[in-house]
Amino acid sequence: MFRAVILQIGATLVTAAIAGLLAGPHGAVSAALGGAACFLPNLLFALRLSAASKKPGGAPPAAFFVGEFIKIAATIVLLAMAAILYRDLQWLALLAGLIVALKANLLAFTFRS
């Protein structure tokens, strides 16, 4: 699960670099904010599941569903905060960072050991 988060962080950095080349520094920050809105909740979710799985009896199924709900809510809150707090937001770059980070999970299946 942590491999998927690392791939999301890497994909976000690459997207931010490309957006920086195409749209300048505000594009790079916007793409990074979009990716961060995806990988930060996923990182917290992975940490939570990892800690819960080490308990005797493992993680209950409800922990997964509650964690997934919190992850989605946190993503929405982070995107809203980016839109409100960053005045020079470039929406195309933000969406590119978000979408690339979301799709980076698919690469985790490709690079399985």
C-alpha atoms as a PDB file:
ATOM      1  CA  MET A   1       0.000   0.000   0.000  1.00  0.00           C
ATOM      2  CA  PHE A   2       2.883   2.343   0.741  1.00  0.00           C
ATOM      3  CA  ARG A   3       4.299   1.619  -2.706  1.00  0.00           C
ATOM      4  CA  ALA A   4       1.168   3.109  -4.241  1.00  0.00           C
ATOM      5  CA  VAL A   5       1.563   6.250  -2.131  1.00  0.00           C
ATOM      6  CA  ILE A   6       5.218   6.569  -3.160  1.00  0.00           C
ATOM      7  CA  LEU A   7       4.194   6.254  -6.802  1.00  0.00           C
ATOM      8  CA  GLN A   8       1.566   8.942  -6.259  1.00  0.00           C
ATOM      9  CA  ILE A   9       4.162  11.274  -4.760  1.00  0.00           C
ATOM     10  CA  GLY A  10       6.523  10.629  -7.665  1.00  0.00           C
ATOM     11  CA  ALA A  11       3.776  11.172 -10.224  1.00  0.00           C
ATOM     12  CA  THR A  12       2.822  14.413  -8.478  1.00  0.00           C
ATOM     13  CA  LEU A  13       6.409  15.665  -8.607  1.00  0.00           C
ATOM     14  CA  VAL A  14       6.712  14.840 -12.309  1.00  0.00           C
ATOM     15  CA  THR A  15       3.378  16.500 -13.068  1.00  0.00           C
ATOM     16  CA  ALA A  16       4.355  19.587 -11.074  1.00  0.00           C
ATOM     17  CA  ALA A  17       7.632  19.813 -12.991  1.00  0.00           C
ATOM     18  CA  ILE A  18       5.856  19.556 -16.339  1.00  0.00           C
ATOM     19  CA  ALA A  19       3.216  22.078 -15.263  1.00  0.00           C
ATOM     20  CA  GLY A  20       6.009  24.376 -14.124  1.00  0.00           C
ATOM     21  CA  LEU A  21       7.600  24.201 -17.551  1.00  0.00           C
ATOM     22  CA  LEU A  22       4.316  24.795 -19.349  1.00  0.00           C
ATOM     23  CA  ALA A  23       2.563  27.250 -17.048  1.00  0.00           C
ATOM     24  CA  GLY A  24       5.223  28.692 -14.777  1.00  0.00           C
ATOM     25  CA  PRO A  25       5.594  28.497 -11.021  1.00  0.00           C
ATOM     26  CA  HIS A  26       1.887  28.948 -10.295  1.00  0.00           C
ATOM     27  CA  GLY A  27       1.149  25.967 -12.524  1.00  0.00           C
ATOM     28  CA  ALA A  28       3.709  23.879 -10.664  1.00  0.00           C
ATOM     29  CA  VAL A  29       2.241  24.792  -7.286  1.00  0.00           C
ATOM     30  CA  SER A  30      -1.287  24.145  -8.547  1.00  0.00           C
ATOM     31  CA  ALA A  31      -0.333  20.693  -9.857  1.00  0.00           C
ATOM     32  CA  ALA A  32       1.451  19.903  -6.598  1.00  0.00           C
ATOM     33  CA  LEU A  33      -1.626  20.946  -4.607  1.00  0.00           C
ATOM     34  CA  GLY A  34      -3.838  18.721  -6.755  1.00  0.00           C
ATOM     35  CA  GLY A  35      -1.545  15.737  -6.254  1.00  0.00           C
ATOM     36  CA  ALA A  36      -1.143  16.429  -2.550  1.00  0.00           C
ATOM     37  CA  ALA A  37      -4.923  16.484  -2.146  1.00  0.00           C
ATOM     38  CA  CYS A  38      -4.812  12.897  -3.359  1.00  0.00           C
ATOM     39  CA  PHE A  39      -1.691  11.402  -1.785  1.00  0.00           C
ATOM     40  CA  LEU A  40      -1.886  12.960   1.702  1.00  0.00           C
ATOM     41  CA  PRO A  41      -5.224  11.304   2.592  1.00  0.00           C
ATOM     42  CA  ASN A  42      -3.973   8.058   1.017  1.00  0.00           C
ATOM     43  CA  LEU A  43      -0.829   8.192   3.141  1.00  0.00           C
ATOM     44  CA  LEU A  44      -2.848   8.691   6.319  1.00  0.00           C
ATOM     45  CA  PHE A  45      -5.202   5.887   5.288  1.00  0.00           C
ATOM     46  CA  ALA A  46      -2.263   3.539   4.656  1.00  0.00           C
ATOM     47  CA  LEU A  47      -0.722   4.401   8.023  1.00  0.00           C
ATOM     48  CA  ARG A  48      -4.050   3.827   9.761  1.00  0.00           C
ATOM     49  CA  LEU A  49      -4.613   0.460   8.091  1.00  0.00           C
ATOM     50  CA  SER A  50      -1.059  -0.606   8.766  1.00  0.00           C
ATOM     51  CA  ALA A  51      -1.420   0.181  12.461  1.00  0.00           C
ATOM     52  CA  ALA A  52      -4.818  -1.519  12.662  1.00  0.00           C
ATOM     53  CA  SER A  53      -3.550  -4.659  10.938  1.00  0.00           C
ATOM     54  CA  LYS A  54      -0.873  -5.153  13.605  1.00  0.00           C
ATOM     55  CA  LYS A  55      -3.459  -5.473  16.352  1.00  0.00           C
ATOM     56  CA  PRO A  56      -4.405  -8.982  17.465  1.00  0.00           C
ATOM     57  CA  GLY A  57      -7.194 -10.168  15.210  1.00  0.00           C
ATOM     58  CA  GLY A  58      -6.302  -7.737  12.454  1.00  0.00           C
ATOM     59  CA  ALA A  59      -8.229  -4.760  11.220  1.00  0.00           C
ATOM     60  CA  PRO A  60     -12.023  -4.992  11.262  1.00  0.00           C
ATOM     61  CA  PRO A  61     -13.741  -4.489   7.899  1.00  0.00           C
ATOM     62  CA  ALA A  62     -15.486  -1.404   9.250  1.00  0.00           C
ATOM     63  CA  ALA A  63     -12.079   0.266   9.688  1.00  0.00           C
ATOM     64  CA  PHE A  64     -11.572   0.084   5.936  1.00  0.00           C
ATOM     65  CA  PHE A  65     -14.929   1.651   5.103  1.00  0.00           C
ATOM     66  CA  VAL A  66     -14.638   4.394   7.719  1.00  0.00           C
ATOM     67  CA  GLY A  67     -11.091   5.112   6.571  1.00  0.00           C
ATOM     68  CA  GLU A  68     -12.184   5.278   2.940  1.00  0.00           C
ATOM     69  CA  PHE A  69     -14.952   7.730   3.815  1.00  0.00           C
ATOM     70  CA  ILE A  70     -12.507   9.897   5.765  1.00  0.00           C
ATOM     71  CA  LYS A  71     -10.054   9.729   2.848  1.00  0.00           C
ATOM     72  CA  ILE A  72     -12.644  10.976   0.362  1.00  0.00           C
ATOM     73  CA  ALA A  73     -13.817  13.720   2.714  1.00  0.00           C
ATOM     74  CA  ALA A  74     -10.223  14.828   3.342  1.00  0.00           C
ATOM     75  CA  THR A  75      -9.550  14.985  -0.402  1.00  0.00           C
ATOM     76  CA  ILE A  76     -12.577  17.224  -0.907  1.00  0.00           C
ATOM     77  CA  VAL A  77     -11.570  19.464   1.999  1.00  0.00           C
ATOM     78  CA  LEU A  78      -7.987  19.772   0.718  1.00  0.00           C
ATOM     79  CA  LEU A  79      -9.201  20.688  -2.772  1.00  0.00           C
ATOM     80  CA  ALA A  80     -11.562  23.287  -1.324  1.00  0.00           C
ATOM     81  CA  MET A  81      -8.771  24.716   0.815  1.00  0.00           C
ATOM     82  CA  ALA A  82      -6.506  24.963  -2.231  1.00  0.00           C
ATOM     83  CA  ALA A  83      -9.212  26.798  -4.163  1.00  0.00           C
ATOM     84  CA  ILE A  84      -9.897  29.216  -1.324  1.00  0.00           C
ATOM     85  CA  LEU A  85      -6.393  29.865  -0.019  1.00  0.00           C
ATOM     86  CA  TYR A  86      -4.234  29.877  -3.164  1.00  0.00           C
ATOM     87  CA  ARG A  87      -5.260  32.936  -5.157  1.00  0.00           C
ATOM     88  CA  ASP A  88      -3.094  32.154  -8.205  1.00  0.00           C
ATOM     89  CA  LEU A  89      -4.553  28.676  -8.641  1.00  0.00           C
ATOM     90  CA  GLN A  90      -4.538  27.321 -12.167  1.00  0.00           C
ATOM     91  CA  TRP A  91      -7.388  24.867 -12.423  1.00  0.00           C
ATOM     92  CA  LEU A  92      -6.060  22.874 -15.356  1.00  0.00           C
ATOM     93  CA  ALA A  93      -2.783  22.220 -13.563  1.00  0.00           C
ATOM     94  CA  LEU A  94      -4.618  21.337 -10.321  1.00  0.00           C
ATOM     95  CA  LEU A  95      -6.829  18.851 -12.153  1.00  0.00           C
ATOM     96  CA  ALA A  96      -3.823  17.401 -13.975  1.00  0.00           C
ATOM     97  CA  GLY A  97      -2.010  16.857 -10.665  1.00  0.00           C
ATOM     98  CA  LEU A  98      -5.100  15.302  -9.111  1.00  0.00           C
ATOM     99  CA  ILE A  99      -5.851  12.976 -12.019  1.00  0.00           C
ATOM    100  CA  VAL A 100      -2.250  11.836 -12.461  1.00  0.00           C
ATOM    101  CA  ALA A 101      -1.959  11.110  -8.729  1.00  0.00           C
ATOM    102  CA  LEU A 102      -5.236   9.175  -8.793  1.00  0.00           C
ATOM    103  CA  LYS A 103      -4.112   7.108 -11.782  1.00  0.00           C
ATOM    104  CA  ALA A 104      -0.677   6.422 -10.294  1.00  0.00           C
ATOM    105  CA  ASN A 105      -2.347   3.707  -8.208  1.00  0.00           C
ATOM    106  CA  LEU A 106      -2.681   1.685 -11.395  1.00  0.00           C
ATOM    107  CA  LEU A 107       1.107   1.694 -11.747  1.00  0.00           C
ATOM    108  CA  ALA A 108       1.386  -0.005  -8.363  1.00  0.00           C
ATOM    109  CA  PHE A 109      -0.080  -3.137  -9.929  1.00  0.00           C
ATOM    110  CA  THR A 110       2.439  -2.955 -12.777  1.00  0.00           C
ATOM    111  CA  PHE A 111       5.462  -2.733 -10.478  1.00  0.00           C
ATOM    112  CA  ARG A 112       4.468  -5.521  -8.106  1.00  0.00           C
ATOM    113  CA  SER A 113       7.344  -7.665  -6.942  1.00  0.00           C
END
